[in-house]
């Protein structure tokens, strides 16, 4: 399963998102596309999203670029799950993209919650 990982670029996504995903058991089961990882730069993200089986969107921080990516996913019927840190004020418009929301307390809990959601829904 190919999973595109969408996020805002204005926070420490390398340490808060990429490294936890890369060091979890999730990478043994799923093919994650990390758009700002050195291995995945220079590609057309719209094409990647359109060829993905799922988009996981870390939505704790507002982002216009991420909104565009979620619009592409929605228009192409690619399922979206939104994850966000407890206490974050997320956009109400996300409810028009998905009914799938995962709340987490910290980085370790994010992996636990995301793993549970993926095992239940994929």
N, C-alpha and C. Protein backbone atom coordinates (compact mmCIF):
# COMPACT_ATOMS: atom_id res chain seq x y z
N UNK A 1 0.85 -1.18 0.00
CA UNK A 1 0.00 0.00 0.00
C UNK A 1 0.89 1.24 0.00
N UNK A 2 0.63 2.13 -0.94
CA UNK A 2 1.38 3.38 -1.06
C UNK A 2 0.65 4.48 -0.31
N UNK A 3 1.35 5.09 0.67
CA UNK A 3 0.77 6.12 1.52
C UNK A 3 1.57 7.41 1.38
N UNK A 4 0.89 8.46 0.95
CA UNK A 4 1.51 9.79 0.85
C UNK A 4 1.32 10.49 2.19
N UNK A 5 2.40 11.04 2.73
CA UNK A 5 2.35 11.73 4.02
C UNK A 5 2.36 13.23 3.79
N UNK A 6 1.22 13.87 4.04
CA UNK A 6 1.07 15.31 3.83
C UNK A 6 1.21 16.04 5.16
N UNK A 7 1.82 17.23 5.11
CA UNK A 7 2.03 18.00 6.33
C UNK A 7 2.39 19.43 5.97
N UNK A 8 2.29 20.30 6.95
CA UNK A 8 2.76 21.68 6.79
C UNK A 8 4.29 21.66 6.78
N UNK A 9 4.86 22.68 6.17
CA UNK A 9 6.33 22.74 6.13
C UNK A 9 6.90 23.63 7.22
N UNK A 10 6.04 24.22 8.05
CA UNK A 10 6.52 25.20 9.04
C UNK A 10 6.67 24.62 10.46
N UNK A 11 7.00 23.35 10.55
CA UNK A 11 7.34 22.77 11.86
C UNK A 11 8.38 21.69 11.64
N UNK A 12 8.88 21.10 12.69
CA UNK A 12 9.97 20.13 12.60
C UNK A 12 9.44 18.75 12.19
N UNK A 13 8.98 18.65 10.94
CA UNK A 13 8.40 17.39 10.46
C UNK A 13 9.44 16.27 10.39
N UNK A 14 10.70 16.60 10.24
CA UNK A 14 11.72 15.55 10.19
C UNK A 14 11.74 14.78 11.50
N UNK A 15 11.84 15.49 12.63
CA UNK A 15 11.92 14.82 13.93
C UNK A 15 10.57 14.43 14.50
N UNK A 16 9.54 15.18 14.17
CA UNK A 16 8.21 14.92 14.75
C UNK A 16 7.38 13.92 13.94
N UNK A 17 7.75 13.71 12.67
CA UNK A 17 6.91 12.88 11.80
C UNK A 17 7.73 11.84 11.03
N UNK A 18 8.72 12.29 10.27
CA UNK A 18 9.48 11.38 9.40
C UNK A 18 10.27 10.34 10.19
N UNK A 19 11.06 10.78 11.15
CA UNK A 19 11.89 9.83 11.89
C UNK A 19 11.02 8.82 12.66
N UNK A 20 9.96 9.27 13.36
CA UNK A 20 9.10 8.27 14.03
C UNK A 20 8.49 7.26 13.05
N UNK A 21 8.07 7.72 11.88
CA UNK A 21 7.51 6.79 10.89
C UNK A 21 8.60 5.82 10.40
N UNK A 22 9.77 6.37 10.06
CA UNK A 22 10.86 5.55 9.54
C UNK A 22 11.37 4.52 10.53
N UNK A 23 11.30 4.83 11.83
CA UNK A 23 11.82 3.92 12.83
C UNK A 23 10.75 3.02 13.44
N UNK A 24 9.52 3.15 12.96
CA UNK A 24 8.43 2.30 13.45
C UNK A 24 8.32 1.06 12.57
N UNK A 25 7.55 0.13 13.01
CA UNK A 25 7.28 -1.06 12.21
C UNK A 25 6.39 -0.80 11.01
N UNK A 26 5.83 0.40 10.94
CA UNK A 26 4.93 0.73 9.82
C UNK A 26 5.62 0.63 8.47
N UNK A 27 6.91 0.98 8.42
CA UNK A 27 7.63 0.95 7.14
C UNK A 27 7.86 -0.47 6.63
N UNK A 28 7.67 -1.47 7.49
CA UNK A 28 7.80 -2.85 7.06
C UNK A 28 6.54 -3.33 6.34
N UNK A 29 5.43 -2.63 6.57
CA UNK A 29 4.14 -3.03 6.00
C UNK A 29 3.67 -2.10 4.89
N UNK A 30 3.98 -0.82 5.01
CA UNK A 30 3.46 0.19 4.09
C UNK A 30 4.60 0.94 3.40
N UNK A 31 4.32 1.39 2.18
CA UNK A 31 5.28 2.19 1.41
C UNK A 31 4.92 3.66 1.59
N UNK A 32 5.66 4.35 2.46
CA UNK A 32 5.41 5.76 2.73
C UNK A 32 6.17 6.64 1.76
N UNK A 33 5.49 7.66 1.25
CA UNK A 33 6.11 8.71 0.46
C UNK A 33 6.22 9.93 1.36
N UNK A 34 7.45 10.34 1.62
CA UNK A 34 7.73 11.48 2.49
C UNK A 34 8.17 12.63 1.58
N UNK A 35 7.29 13.58 1.29
CA UNK A 35 7.53 14.54 0.22
C UNK A 35 8.72 15.47 0.41
N UNK A 36 9.15 15.69 1.64
CA UNK A 36 10.29 16.59 1.87
C UNK A 36 11.52 15.85 2.35
N UNK A 37 11.52 14.54 2.15
CA UNK A 37 12.68 13.74 2.45
C UNK A 37 13.63 13.83 1.27
N UNK A 38 14.89 13.77 1.51
CA UNK A 38 15.87 13.92 0.42
C UNK A 38 15.67 12.88 -0.68
N UNK A 39 15.14 11.73 -0.32
CA UNK A 39 14.93 10.67 -1.32
C UNK A 39 13.76 10.96 -2.25
N UNK A 40 12.83 11.83 -1.86
CA UNK A 40 11.60 12.03 -2.62
C UNK A 40 11.48 13.43 -3.22
N UNK A 41 12.53 14.22 -3.24
CA UNK A 41 12.43 15.58 -3.74
C UNK A 41 12.42 15.61 -5.26
N UNK A 42 11.85 16.64 -5.82
CA UNK A 42 11.87 16.85 -7.26
C UNK A 42 10.77 16.16 -8.04
N UNK A 43 9.88 15.47 -7.36
CA UNK A 43 8.80 14.80 -8.06
C UNK A 43 7.53 15.62 -7.99
N UNK A 44 6.64 15.41 -8.94
CA UNK A 44 5.36 16.10 -8.98
C UNK A 44 4.44 15.46 -7.93
N UNK A 45 4.18 16.18 -6.86
CA UNK A 45 3.39 15.60 -5.77
C UNK A 45 1.96 15.30 -6.19
N UNK A 46 1.42 16.05 -7.13
CA UNK A 46 0.06 15.77 -7.58
C UNK A 46 -0.02 14.37 -8.19
N UNK A 47 0.96 14.02 -9.02
CA UNK A 47 0.98 12.69 -9.62
C UNK A 47 1.17 11.60 -8.56
N UNK A 48 2.01 11.89 -7.57
CA UNK A 48 2.24 10.91 -6.50
C UNK A 48 0.95 10.68 -5.71
N UNK A 49 0.27 11.76 -5.36
CA UNK A 49 -0.99 11.65 -4.61
C UNK A 49 -2.01 10.86 -5.42
N UNK A 50 -2.12 11.16 -6.71
CA UNK A 50 -3.11 10.48 -7.56
C UNK A 50 -2.83 8.98 -7.67
N UNK A 51 -1.56 8.57 -7.51
CA UNK A 51 -1.22 7.15 -7.60
C UNK A 51 -1.12 6.48 -6.23
N UNK A 52 -1.48 7.22 -5.18
CA UNK A 52 -1.41 6.66 -3.82
C UNK A 52 -2.71 5.96 -3.45
N UNK A 53 -2.60 5.05 -2.49
CA UNK A 53 -3.77 4.34 -1.98
C UNK A 53 -4.40 5.08 -0.81
N UNK A 54 -3.61 5.95 -0.16
CA UNK A 54 -4.07 6.66 1.03
C UNK A 54 -3.21 7.89 1.23
N UNK A 55 -3.80 8.96 1.74
CA UNK A 55 -3.06 10.13 2.19
C UNK A 55 -3.25 10.25 3.69
N UNK A 56 -2.14 10.31 4.41
CA UNK A 56 -2.17 10.62 5.83
C UNK A 56 -1.74 12.08 5.94
N UNK A 57 -2.61 12.89 6.51
CA UNK A 57 -2.34 14.33 6.63
C UNK A 57 -2.16 14.70 8.09
N UNK A 58 -0.96 15.17 8.44
CA UNK A 58 -0.71 15.69 9.78
C UNK A 58 -1.19 17.13 9.75
N UNK A 59 -2.32 17.42 10.40
CA UNK A 59 -3.02 18.70 10.24
C UNK A 59 -2.96 19.60 11.48
N UNK A 60 -1.98 19.38 12.34
CA UNK A 60 -1.87 20.20 13.55
C UNK A 60 -1.53 21.66 13.25
N UNK A 61 -0.94 21.90 12.08
CA UNK A 61 -0.52 23.25 11.69
C UNK A 61 -1.18 23.59 10.35
N UNK A 62 -1.80 24.77 10.24
CA UNK A 62 -2.45 25.15 8.98
C UNK A 62 -1.42 25.32 7.86
N UNK A 63 -1.84 24.95 6.64
CA UNK A 63 -0.93 25.03 5.51
C UNK A 63 -1.72 25.11 4.21
N UNK A 64 -1.47 26.16 3.44
CA UNK A 64 -2.14 26.30 2.14
C UNK A 64 -1.73 25.18 1.20
N UNK A 65 -0.44 24.88 1.16
CA UNK A 65 0.05 23.81 0.28
C UNK A 65 -0.59 22.47 0.61
N UNK A 66 -0.73 22.19 1.88
CA UNK A 66 -1.36 20.94 2.28
C UNK A 66 -2.84 20.94 1.88
N UNK A 67 -3.48 22.08 2.00
CA UNK A 67 -4.88 22.17 1.56
C UNK A 67 -5.01 21.83 0.08
N UNK A 68 -4.08 22.29 -0.72
CA UNK A 68 -4.09 21.96 -2.15
C UNK A 68 -3.92 20.46 -2.34
N UNK A 69 -2.96 19.88 -1.61
CA UNK A 69 -2.74 18.43 -1.71
C UNK A 69 -3.98 17.65 -1.33
N UNK A 70 -4.66 18.07 -0.27
CA UNK A 70 -5.87 17.36 0.15
C UNK A 70 -6.99 17.52 -0.87
N UNK A 71 -7.04 18.67 -1.53
CA UNK A 71 -7.99 18.87 -2.61
C UNK A 71 -7.72 17.92 -3.77
N UNK A 72 -6.45 17.74 -4.12
CA UNK A 72 -6.10 16.78 -5.18
C UNK A 72 -6.53 15.37 -4.79
N UNK A 73 -6.25 15.00 -3.55
CA UNK A 73 -6.64 13.66 -3.08
C UNK A 73 -8.15 13.49 -3.16
N UNK A 74 -8.87 14.47 -2.67
CA UNK A 74 -10.33 14.41 -2.67
C UNK A 74 -10.88 14.31 -4.08
N UNK A 75 -10.39 15.15 -4.98
CA UNK A 75 -10.86 15.14 -6.37
C UNK A 75 -10.59 13.82 -7.07
N UNK A 76 -9.55 13.12 -6.63
CA UNK A 76 -9.18 11.85 -7.26
C UNK A 76 -9.59 10.64 -6.44
N UNK A 77 -10.46 10.85 -5.46
CA UNK A 77 -11.03 9.78 -4.64
C UNK A 77 -9.97 8.96 -3.91
N UNK A 78 -8.88 9.63 -3.52
CA UNK A 78 -7.87 8.98 -2.69
C UNK A 78 -8.28 9.21 -1.24
N UNK A 79 -8.47 8.15 -0.46
CA UNK A 79 -8.89 8.32 0.93
C UNK A 79 -7.87 9.12 1.74
N UNK A 80 -8.37 9.90 2.70
CA UNK A 80 -7.54 10.74 3.55
C UNK A 80 -7.85 10.44 5.01
N UNK A 81 -6.81 10.31 5.81
CA UNK A 81 -6.96 10.27 7.26
C UNK A 81 -6.15 11.43 7.81
N UNK A 82 -6.77 12.21 8.67
CA UNK A 82 -6.11 13.36 9.29
C UNK A 82 -5.66 12.98 10.69
N UNK A 83 -4.40 13.26 10.98
CA UNK A 83 -3.87 13.05 12.33
C UNK A 83 -3.47 14.41 12.88
N UNK A 84 -3.66 14.58 14.19
CA UNK A 84 -3.27 15.85 14.80
C UNK A 84 -3.03 15.68 16.29
N UNK A 85 -2.17 16.56 16.79
CA UNK A 85 -1.80 16.53 18.20
C UNK A 85 -2.94 17.07 19.04
N UNK A 86 -3.21 16.40 20.14
CA UNK A 86 -4.25 16.83 21.07
C UNK A 86 -4.05 18.30 21.44
N UNK A 87 -5.12 19.07 21.38
CA UNK A 87 -5.07 20.48 21.70
C UNK A 87 -4.88 21.39 20.50
N UNK A 88 -4.52 20.82 19.36
CA UNK A 88 -4.35 21.63 18.14
C UNK A 88 -5.72 22.08 17.64
N UNK A 89 -5.78 23.29 17.13
CA UNK A 89 -7.02 23.80 16.55
C UNK A 89 -6.95 23.54 15.05
N UNK A 90 -7.69 22.51 14.62
CA UNK A 90 -7.63 22.14 13.20
C UNK A 90 -8.76 22.82 12.42
N UNK A 91 -8.58 22.90 11.14
CA UNK A 91 -9.54 23.56 10.27
C UNK A 91 -10.86 22.78 10.22
N UNK A 92 -11.96 23.49 10.35
CA UNK A 92 -13.28 22.87 10.22
C UNK A 92 -13.56 22.38 8.81
N UNK A 93 -12.85 22.92 7.83
CA UNK A 93 -13.05 22.51 6.43
C UNK A 93 -12.60 21.07 6.17
N UNK A 94 -11.77 20.52 7.06
CA UNK A 94 -11.30 19.15 6.88
C UNK A 94 -12.45 18.14 6.86
N UNK A 95 -13.55 18.48 7.50
CA UNK A 95 -14.69 17.55 7.54
C UNK A 95 -15.29 17.33 6.16
N UNK A 96 -14.98 18.22 5.20
CA UNK A 96 -15.47 18.04 3.84
C UNK A 96 -14.57 17.12 3.03
N UNK A 97 -13.40 16.81 3.57
CA UNK A 97 -12.44 15.93 2.90
C UNK A 97 -12.51 14.51 3.45
N UNK A 98 -12.76 14.37 4.75
CA UNK A 98 -12.71 13.05 5.38
C UNK A 98 -13.52 13.01 6.67
N UNK A 99 -13.88 11.80 7.05
CA UNK A 99 -14.49 11.54 8.35
C UNK A 99 -13.48 10.85 9.28
N UNK A 100 -12.27 10.64 8.79
CA UNK A 100 -11.26 9.88 9.50
C UNK A 100 -10.26 10.82 10.19
N UNK A 101 -10.33 10.85 11.53
CA UNK A 101 -9.45 11.71 12.32
C UNK A 101 -8.83 10.88 13.44
N UNK A 102 -7.53 11.07 13.64
CA UNK A 102 -6.80 10.38 14.69
C UNK A 102 -6.10 11.44 15.54
N UNK A 103 -6.39 11.45 16.83
CA UNK A 103 -5.79 12.39 17.76
C UNK A 103 -4.70 11.66 18.53
N UNK A 104 -3.57 12.35 18.73
CA UNK A 104 -2.47 11.73 19.47
C UNK A 104 -1.91 12.71 20.50
N UNK A 105 -1.28 12.16 21.55
CA UNK A 105 -0.75 12.97 22.65
C UNK A 105 0.68 13.43 22.40
N UNK A 106 1.51 12.55 21.85
CA UNK A 106 2.92 12.85 21.60
C UNK A 106 3.39 11.95 20.46
N UNK A 107 4.66 12.02 20.13
CA UNK A 107 5.18 11.27 18.98
C UNK A 107 4.99 9.77 19.14
N UNK A 108 5.28 9.24 20.31
CA UNK A 108 5.10 7.80 20.53
C UNK A 108 3.64 7.40 20.38
N UNK A 109 2.75 8.20 20.95
CA UNK A 109 1.32 7.92 20.84
C UNK A 109 0.84 8.04 19.39
N UNK A 110 1.44 8.95 18.62
CA UNK A 110 1.08 9.07 17.20
C UNK A 110 1.29 7.75 16.48
N UNK A 111 2.43 7.11 16.73
CA UNK A 111 2.72 5.84 16.08
C UNK A 111 1.74 4.77 16.54
N UNK A 112 1.44 4.73 17.82
CA UNK A 112 0.49 3.75 18.36
C UNK A 112 -0.89 3.94 17.72
N UNK A 113 -1.38 5.18 17.73
CA UNK A 113 -2.71 5.48 17.21
C UNK A 113 -2.79 5.24 15.69
N UNK A 114 -1.76 5.66 14.99
CA UNK A 114 -1.73 5.48 13.54
C UNK A 114 -1.65 4.01 13.16
N UNK A 115 -0.84 3.26 13.87
CA UNK A 115 -0.74 1.82 13.63
C UNK A 115 -2.09 1.15 13.83
N UNK A 116 -2.76 1.48 14.92
CA UNK A 116 -4.09 0.91 15.19
C UNK A 116 -5.07 1.26 14.08
N UNK A 117 -5.08 2.52 13.65
CA UNK A 117 -6.00 2.94 12.60
C UNK A 117 -5.70 2.20 11.29
N UNK A 118 -4.44 2.13 10.91
CA UNK A 118 -4.08 1.46 9.66
C UNK A 118 -4.43 -0.03 9.70
N UNK A 119 -4.17 -0.70 10.81
CA UNK A 119 -4.47 -2.12 10.91
C UNK A 119 -5.98 -2.38 10.85
N UNK A 120 -6.74 -1.46 11.40
CA UNK A 120 -8.20 -1.62 11.39
C UNK A 120 -8.83 -1.27 10.04
N UNK A 121 -8.24 -0.32 9.32
CA UNK A 121 -8.90 0.24 8.13
C UNK A 121 -8.25 -0.08 6.80
N UNK A 122 -7.15 -0.83 6.79
CA UNK A 122 -6.52 -1.13 5.49
C UNK A 122 -6.38 -2.62 5.30
